[in-house]
N, C-alpha and C. Protein backbone atom coordinates (compact mmCIF):
# COMPACT_ATOMS: atom_id res chain seq x y z
N UNK A 1 -32.87 5.93 -2.85
CA UNK A 1 -34.45 5.88 -2.34
C UNK A 1 -34.64 7.41 -2.33
N UNK A 2 -35.99 7.31 -2.35
CA UNK A 2 -36.46 8.96 -2.50
C UNK A 2 -37.75 8.95 -1.33
N UNK A 3 -37.09 10.61 -0.82
CA UNK A 3 -38.19 10.84 0.08
C UNK A 3 -39.22 12.20 -0.21
N UNK A 4 -40.23 12.08 0.26
CA UNK A 4 -41.43 13.39 -0.18
C UNK A 4 -40.66 14.52 0.70
N UNK A 5 -40.34 15.42 0.38
CA UNK A 5 -40.53 16.71 0.98
C UNK A 5 -41.72 17.85 1.01
N UNK A 6 -41.70 18.75 1.55
CA UNK A 6 -43.19 19.33 1.64
C UNK A 6 -42.15 20.37 0.60
N UNK A 7 -42.96 21.00 -0.37
CA UNK A 7 -42.68 21.48 -1.54
C UNK A 7 -42.61 23.13 -1.39
N UNK A 8 -43.23 23.72 -0.13
CA UNK A 8 -43.29 25.25 0.23
C UNK A 8 -42.33 25.29 1.51
N UNK A 9 -41.76 24.15 2.12
CA UNK A 9 -40.76 24.26 2.98
C UNK A 9 -39.63 25.15 2.95
N UNK A 10 -39.44 25.82 3.56
CA UNK A 10 -38.38 26.58 3.94
C UNK A 10 -37.38 26.59 5.14
N UNK A 11 -35.47 26.68 4.86
CA UNK A 11 -35.17 26.70 6.02
C UNK A 11 -33.84 27.51 5.41
N UNK A 12 -33.25 27.89 6.79
CA UNK A 12 -32.32 28.95 6.77
C UNK A 12 -30.62 27.97 6.44
N UNK A 13 -30.43 28.87 5.22
CA UNK A 13 -28.79 28.30 4.35
C UNK A 13 -27.60 27.52 5.31
N UNK A 14 -27.91 28.13 6.56
CA UNK A 14 -26.80 27.46 7.36
C UNK A 14 -26.92 25.78 7.69
N UNK A 15 -28.60 26.28 8.57
CA UNK A 15 -28.87 25.22 9.31
C UNK A 15 -28.98 23.64 7.52
N UNK A 16 -29.81 24.14 6.29
CA UNK A 16 -29.84 23.38 5.02
C UNK A 16 -28.46 22.98 4.95
N UNK A 17 -26.99 23.93 4.94
CA UNK A 17 -25.66 22.89 4.97
C UNK A 17 -25.69 21.86 5.51
N UNK A 18 -26.10 22.24 7.14
CA UNK A 18 -25.56 21.18 7.85
C UNK A 18 -26.83 20.30 7.68
N UNK A 19 -27.62 20.44 7.18
CA UNK A 19 -28.75 19.01 7.28
C UNK A 19 -28.26 18.56 6.01
N UNK A 20 -27.69 18.82 4.95
CA UNK A 20 -27.51 18.25 3.86
C UNK A 20 -26.23 17.86 4.04
N UNK A 21 -25.36 18.15 5.30
CA UNK A 21 -23.61 17.13 5.23
C UNK A 21 -22.94 17.61 4.82
N UNK A 22 -22.62 19.01 3.94
CA UNK A 22 -21.79 19.45 3.48
C UNK A 22 -20.92 19.79 4.88
N UNK A 23 -21.17 20.27 5.72
CA UNK A 23 -20.86 20.67 7.18
C UNK A 23 -20.97 19.83 8.20
N UNK A 24 -19.74 18.98 9.12
CA UNK A 24 -19.83 18.70 10.25
C UNK A 24 -20.64 19.58 11.32
N UNK A 25 -20.85 21.08 11.04
CA UNK A 25 -21.41 21.22 12.48
C UNK A 25 -21.94 22.49 11.61
N UNK A 26 -23.16 22.99 12.39
CA UNK A 26 -23.67 24.09 11.85
C UNK A 26 -23.01 25.58 12.06
N UNK A 27 -22.24 25.38 13.23
CA UNK A 27 -21.33 26.60 12.94
C UNK A 27 -20.14 26.93 11.99
N UNK A 28 -19.87 25.72 11.21
CA UNK A 28 -19.13 25.65 10.65
C UNK A 28 -19.89 26.27 9.08
N UNK A 29 -20.79 25.84 9.01
CA UNK A 29 -21.65 26.22 7.94
C UNK A 29 -21.95 27.91 7.89
N UNK A 30 -22.03 27.99 9.29
CA UNK A 30 -22.58 29.12 9.50
C UNK A 30 -21.03 30.67 9.05
N UNK A 31 -20.10 29.85 9.77
CA UNK A 31 -18.91 30.35 9.46
C UNK A 31 -18.67 30.66 7.60
N UNK A 32 -18.80 29.49 6.94
CA UNK A 32 -18.72 29.40 5.54
C UNK A 32 -19.35 30.55 5.06
N UNK A 33 -20.64 30.61 5.48
CA UNK A 33 -21.52 31.49 5.01
C UNK A 33 -21.22 33.14 5.14
N UNK A 34 -20.95 33.06 6.19
CA UNK A 34 -20.26 34.56 6.59
C UNK A 34 -18.89 34.99 6.08
N UNK A 35 -18.31 34.17 5.90
CA UNK A 35 -16.91 34.09 4.83
C UNK A 35 -16.88 34.82 3.07
N UNK A 36 -18.54 34.37 2.68
CA UNK A 36 -18.43 34.61 1.14
C UNK A 36 -18.43 33.23 0.98
N UNK A 37 -18.50 32.72 1.06
CA UNK A 37 -17.77 30.80 0.26
C UNK A 37 -19.52 30.32 0.13
N UNK A 38 -20.87 30.95 0.25
CA UNK A 38 -21.95 30.60 -0.26
C UNK A 38 -22.91 31.68 -0.72
N UNK A 39 -23.13 30.90 -2.08
CA UNK A 39 -24.13 32.08 -2.77
C UNK A 39 -25.74 31.43 -3.27
N UNK A 40 -26.44 32.00 -2.94
CA UNK A 40 -27.74 31.57 -3.43
C UNK A 40 -28.15 31.80 -4.57
N UNK A 41 -28.51 31.43 -5.86
CA UNK A 41 -29.46 31.86 -6.82
C UNK A 41 -28.09 33.21 -7.40
N UNK A 42 -26.99 32.96 -7.30
CA UNK A 42 -25.85 34.18 -7.67
C UNK A 42 -25.67 35.19 -7.28
N UNK A 43 -26.57 35.29 -5.56
CA UNK A 43 -26.10 36.48 -4.64
C UNK A 43 -25.74 36.15 -3.25
N UNK A 44 -24.87 36.27 -2.83
CA UNK A 44 -24.17 36.45 -1.57
C UNK A 44 -24.99 36.53 -0.15
N UNK A 45 -24.98 35.85 0.11
CA UNK A 45 -26.04 35.62 1.46
C UNK A 45 -25.74 35.64 3.05
N UNK A 46 -26.51 36.08 3.74
CA UNK A 46 -26.07 35.85 5.26
C UNK A 46 -27.11 34.34 5.49
N UNK A 47 -26.64 33.99 7.04
CA UNK A 47 -26.96 33.18 7.70
C UNK A 47 -28.42 33.21 7.97
N UNK A 48 -29.36 34.08 8.18
CA UNK A 48 -30.82 33.80 7.74
C UNK A 48 -31.48 33.74 6.72
N UNK A 49 -30.83 34.14 5.27
CA UNK A 49 -31.29 33.75 4.40
C UNK A 49 -31.92 32.42 4.24
N UNK A 50 -33.03 31.91 3.26
CA UNK A 50 -33.86 30.58 3.51
C UNK A 50 -34.04 30.36 2.01
N UNK A 51 -33.37 29.11 2.01
CA UNK A 51 -33.67 28.49 0.76
C UNK A 51 -35.26 27.51 0.54
N UNK A 52 -35.14 27.40 -0.29
CA UNK A 52 -36.54 26.77 -0.99
C UNK A 52 -36.27 26.02 -2.01
N UNK A 53 -36.97 24.59 -2.51
CA UNK A 53 -36.97 24.13 -3.32
C UNK A 53 -36.37 24.46 -4.61
N UNK A 54 -35.64 24.07 -5.73
CA UNK A 54 -34.94 25.15 -6.67
C UNK A 54 -34.76 26.11 -6.71
N UNK A 55 -33.87 26.46 -5.76
CA UNK A 55 -33.02 27.07 -5.87
C UNK A 55 -31.33 26.63 -5.93
N UNK A 56 -30.82 27.24 -6.16
CA UNK A 56 -29.35 27.12 -6.83
C UNK A 56 -27.98 27.55 -5.71
N UNK A 57 -27.54 26.18 -5.06
CA UNK A 57 -26.47 26.98 -4.17
C UNK A 57 -25.07 26.47 -4.45
N UNK A 58 -24.23 27.56 -4.81
CA UNK A 58 -23.23 27.51 -5.20
C UNK A 58 -21.65 27.49 -3.54
N UNK A 59 -21.05 26.43 -2.97
CA UNK A 59 -20.61 26.36 -1.97
C UNK A 59 -19.18 26.06 -2.11
N UNK A 60 -18.21 26.49 -1.43
CA UNK A 60 -17.05 26.06 -1.52
C UNK A 60 -16.71 25.79 0.08
N UNK A 61 -16.45 24.41 -0.31
CA UNK A 61 -16.50 23.82 1.01
C UNK A 61 -15.30 22.49 1.06
N UNK A 62 -14.05 22.64 1.89
CA UNK A 62 -13.38 21.57 2.05
C UNK A 62 -12.31 21.14 0.83
N UNK A 63 -11.79 22.18 -0.04
CA UNK A 63 -11.15 22.17 -0.93
C UNK A 63 -12.01 21.89 -2.42
N UNK A 64 -13.01 22.27 -2.17
CA UNK A 64 -14.25 21.65 -3.36
C UNK A 64 -15.38 23.31 -3.68
N UNK A 65 -15.54 22.76 -4.98
CA UNK A 65 -16.90 24.22 -5.23
C UNK A 65 -17.76 22.86 -5.75
N UNK A 66 -19.17 23.12 -4.77
CA UNK A 66 -20.50 22.78 -5.15
C UNK A 66 -21.08 23.80 -5.78
N UNK A 67 -21.84 23.18 -7.05
CA UNK A 67 -23.06 23.80 -7.48
C UNK A 67 -24.30 22.51 -7.50
N UNK A 68 -25.05 22.72 -6.68
CA UNK A 68 -26.46 22.42 -6.32
C UNK A 68 -27.49 22.94 -6.67
N UNK A 69 -28.40 21.78 -6.59
CA UNK A 69 -30.14 22.78 -6.63
C UNK A 69 -30.66 21.98 -5.49
N UNK A 70 -31.20 22.79 -4.63
CA UNK A 70 -32.12 22.21 -3.82
C UNK A 70 -33.44 21.96 -4.31
N UNK A 71 -33.35 20.32 -4.03
CA UNK A 71 -34.51 18.91 -4.23
C UNK A 71 -35.60 19.30 -3.07
N UNK A 72 -35.25 19.59 -1.70
CA UNK A 72 -36.13 19.34 -1.10
C UNK A 72 -35.47 20.25 0.54
N UNK A 73 -36.12 20.38 1.81
CA UNK A 73 -36.07 20.96 3.02
C UNK A 73 -36.18 19.81 3.82
N UNK A 74 -35.06 18.63 4.85
CA UNK A 74 -35.67 18.28 5.73
C UNK A 74 -36.30 18.63 6.89
N UNK A 75 -36.71 17.62 7.58
CA UNK A 75 -37.50 18.63 8.71
C UNK A 75 -36.17 18.64 9.98
N UNK A 76 -34.89 17.84 9.93
CA UNK A 76 -33.93 17.94 10.53
C UNK A 76 -33.33 16.89 9.97
N UNK A 77 -31.90 17.25 10.99
CA UNK A 77 -30.61 16.20 10.16
C UNK A 77 -31.15 14.80 10.24
N UNK A 78 -30.47 14.48 9.65
CA UNK A 78 -30.57 12.57 9.40
C UNK A 78 -29.44 12.01 8.87
N UNK A 79 -30.23 10.82 8.54
CA UNK A 79 -29.25 9.89 8.08
C UNK A 79 -28.62 10.43 6.76
N UNK A 80 -27.35 10.39 6.09
CA UNK A 80 -26.81 10.54 4.81
C UNK A 80 -27.30 10.12 3.67
N UNK A 81 -27.68 8.83 3.46
CA UNK A 81 -28.73 9.16 1.85
C UNK A 81 -29.50 9.77 2.11
N UNK A 82 -30.38 10.11 3.19
CA UNK A 82 -31.35 11.14 3.03
C UNK A 82 -31.25 12.36 2.94
N UNK A 83 -30.08 12.62 3.22
CA UNK A 83 -29.31 14.33 3.44
C UNK A 83 -29.16 14.70 1.85
N UNK A 84 -28.82 13.22 0.94
CA UNK A 84 -28.02 13.43 -0.78
C UNK A 84 -29.33 13.81 -1.65
N UNK A 85 -30.53 12.93 -0.80
CA UNK A 85 -31.71 13.41 -1.16
C UNK A 85 -32.00 15.08 -1.60
N UNK A 86 -31.86 15.46 -0.64
CA UNK A 86 -32.26 17.38 -0.21
C UNK A 86 -31.75 18.06 -1.58
N UNK A 87 -30.54 17.54 -2.07
CA UNK A 87 -29.70 18.53 -3.65
C UNK A 87 -29.37 17.48 -4.40
N UNK A 88 -29.59 17.89 -6.01
CA UNK A 88 -29.25 17.70 -6.78
C UNK A 88 -27.66 18.24 -7.69
N UNK A 89 -26.54 18.26 -7.56
CA UNK A 89 -25.33 17.98 -7.95
C UNK A 89 -25.49 18.49 -9.74
N UNK A 90 -24.88 19.44 -9.98
CA UNK A 90 -25.28 19.89 -11.28
C UNK A 90 -23.93 18.67 -12.20
N UNK A 91 -24.38 18.53 -13.29
CA UNK A 91 -23.08 17.54 -13.88
C UNK A 91 -21.98 18.36 -14.26
N UNK A 92 -21.52 19.65 -14.47
CA UNK A 92 -20.69 20.65 -14.67
C UNK A 92 -20.15 20.30 -13.37
N UNK A 93 -20.52 20.21 -11.90
CA UNK A 93 -20.25 20.58 -10.98
C UNK A 93 -19.13 19.20 -10.59
N UNK A 94 -19.87 18.38 -11.05
CA UNK A 94 -19.46 17.02 -10.26
C UNK A 94 -18.40 16.92 -11.27
N UNK A 95 -18.09 16.76 -12.70
CA UNK A 95 -16.94 16.77 -13.44
C UNK A 95 -15.81 17.66 -12.98
N UNK A 96 -15.95 18.85 -12.54
CA UNK A 96 -15.21 19.74 -12.19
C UNK A 96 -14.30 19.05 -11.13
N UNK A 97 -15.00 19.01 -9.82
CA UNK A 97 -15.02 18.26 -8.89
C UNK A 97 -13.90 16.82 -9.15
N UNK A 98 -14.41 16.00 -9.87
CA UNK A 98 -13.21 15.11 -10.41
C UNK A 98 -12.23 15.48 -11.07
N UNK A 99 -12.16 16.37 -11.56
CA UNK A 99 -11.23 17.08 -12.27
C UNK A 99 -9.87 17.52 -11.83
N UNK A 100 -10.41 18.47 -10.60
CA UNK A 100 -9.61 18.91 -9.17
C UNK A 100 -9.07 17.66 -8.44
N UNK A 101 -10.38 16.90 -7.75
CA UNK A 101 -9.46 15.95 -6.76
C UNK A 101 -8.04 15.18 -7.90
N UNK A 102 -8.77 15.22 -8.98
CA UNK A 102 -7.48 14.21 -9.84
C UNK A 102 -5.88 14.77 -9.65
N UNK A 103 -5.91 16.37 -9.95
CA UNK A 103 -5.02 17.67 -9.91
C UNK A 103 -4.60 17.22 -8.45
N UNK A 104 -5.48 17.05 -7.55
CA UNK A 104 -4.59 17.42 -6.19
C UNK A 104 -3.87 16.04 -5.96
N UNK A 105 -4.23 15.00 -6.49
CA UNK A 105 -3.96 13.88 -6.19
C UNK A 105 -2.53 13.71 -7.26
N UNK A 106 -2.28 13.99 -8.29
CA UNK A 106 -0.91 13.91 -8.79
C UNK A 106 -0.04 15.43 -9.11
N UNK A 107 -0.63 16.29 -8.16
CA UNK A 107 0.44 17.69 -7.79
C UNK A 107 -0.18 18.30 -6.64
N UNK A 108 0.00 17.06 -5.17
CA UNK A 108 -0.12 17.78 -3.75
C UNK A 108 0.63 18.94 -3.14
N UNK A 109 -0.08 19.92 -2.55
CA UNK A 109 0.25 21.27 -1.96
C UNK A 109 1.41 20.52 -1.27
N UNK A 110 2.42 21.61 -1.47
CA UNK A 110 3.65 21.39 -0.91
C UNK A 110 3.35 21.94 0.82
N UNK A 111 2.52 22.63 0.97
CA UNK A 111 2.18 22.91 2.61
C UNK A 111 1.64 21.91 2.74
N UNK A 112 0.96 20.71 2.29
CA UNK A 112 0.43 19.97 2.87
C UNK A 112 1.23 19.28 3.56
N UNK A 113 2.73 19.17 3.59
CA UNK A 113 3.46 18.10 4.23
C UNK A 113 3.92 18.83 5.53
N UNK A 114 3.97 20.00 5.81
CA UNK A 114 4.21 21.05 6.95
C UNK A 114 3.49 20.66 7.92
N UNK A 115 3.75 20.15 9.34
CA UNK A 115 2.77 19.87 10.38
C UNK A 115 3.57 20.64 11.70
N UNK A 116 2.96 21.65 11.87
CA UNK A 116 3.43 22.31 13.20
C UNK A 116 4.82 23.40 12.78
N UNK A 117 5.33 23.35 14.23
CA UNK A 117 6.73 24.05 14.40
C UNK A 117 7.87 22.84 14.26
N UNK A 118 8.85 22.98 13.53
CA UNK A 118 10.27 22.45 13.40
C UNK A 118 10.21 21.81 14.91
N UNK A 119 11.11 20.27 15.07
CA UNK A 119 11.28 19.70 16.05
C UNK A 119 12.67 20.50 16.51
N UNK A 120 13.71 19.92 17.02
CA UNK A 120 15.19 20.71 17.41
C UNK A 120 15.89 19.92 16.21
N UNK A 121 15.33 18.54 15.91
CA UNK A 121 15.99 18.16 14.53
C UNK A 121 15.98 18.63 13.35
N UNK A 122 15.15 19.23 13.27
CA UNK A 122 14.43 20.34 11.84
C UNK A 122 15.14 21.42 12.45
N UNK A 123 15.92 21.87 12.99
CA UNK A 123 15.66 23.51 13.86
C UNK A 123 17.29 23.08 13.45
N UNK A 124 17.91 22.46 13.61
CA UNK A 124 19.25 21.92 13.10
C UNK A 124 19.63 21.68 11.80
N UNK A 125 18.97 20.93 11.33
CA UNK A 125 18.88 20.77 9.70
C UNK A 125 18.55 22.44 8.95
N UNK A 126 17.80 22.57 9.39
CA UNK A 126 17.57 24.37 8.82
C UNK A 126 18.65 24.89 9.09
N UNK A 127 19.82 25.29 10.42
CA UNK A 127 20.81 26.05 10.49
C UNK A 127 21.79 25.33 9.22
N UNK A 128 22.33 24.43 9.39
CA UNK A 128 22.94 23.49 8.90
C UNK A 128 22.71 23.88 7.26
N UNK A 129 22.02 23.96 6.46
CA UNK A 129 21.35 24.34 5.38
C UNK A 129 21.82 25.50 5.45
N UNK A 130 21.43 26.28 5.94
CA UNK A 130 21.74 27.74 6.07
C UNK A 130 22.85 28.44 5.77
N UNK A 131 24.04 27.79 6.99
CA UNK A 131 25.41 27.95 6.58
C UNK A 131 26.39 26.67 5.81
């Protein structure tokens, strides 16, 4: 599916990340930008930075690192197939993400199994183990 975009269009980086569906909400996208997880053309940016077609965006989201080139700026957030046409991921980024996913699958993070506070039963097991 090919969608035509205005070549001179610009959009704030946080809004573009949300429209391109890298984040569920615009506030999550804004938080990622503020924490330095997003760079445009190799430079750290603020939320007010505007992106245009041709810009290279590097972002870390959901335990993944994406390197994409902006292909277009949508008028608003739309369907996922249309959102995927707003950027093109580099081949190096695709292969790195696949390798990372395979590594996470084979070697899961130990802390991922922990969920909240220990129950009473867990606490007793911990106390028995310590003594």
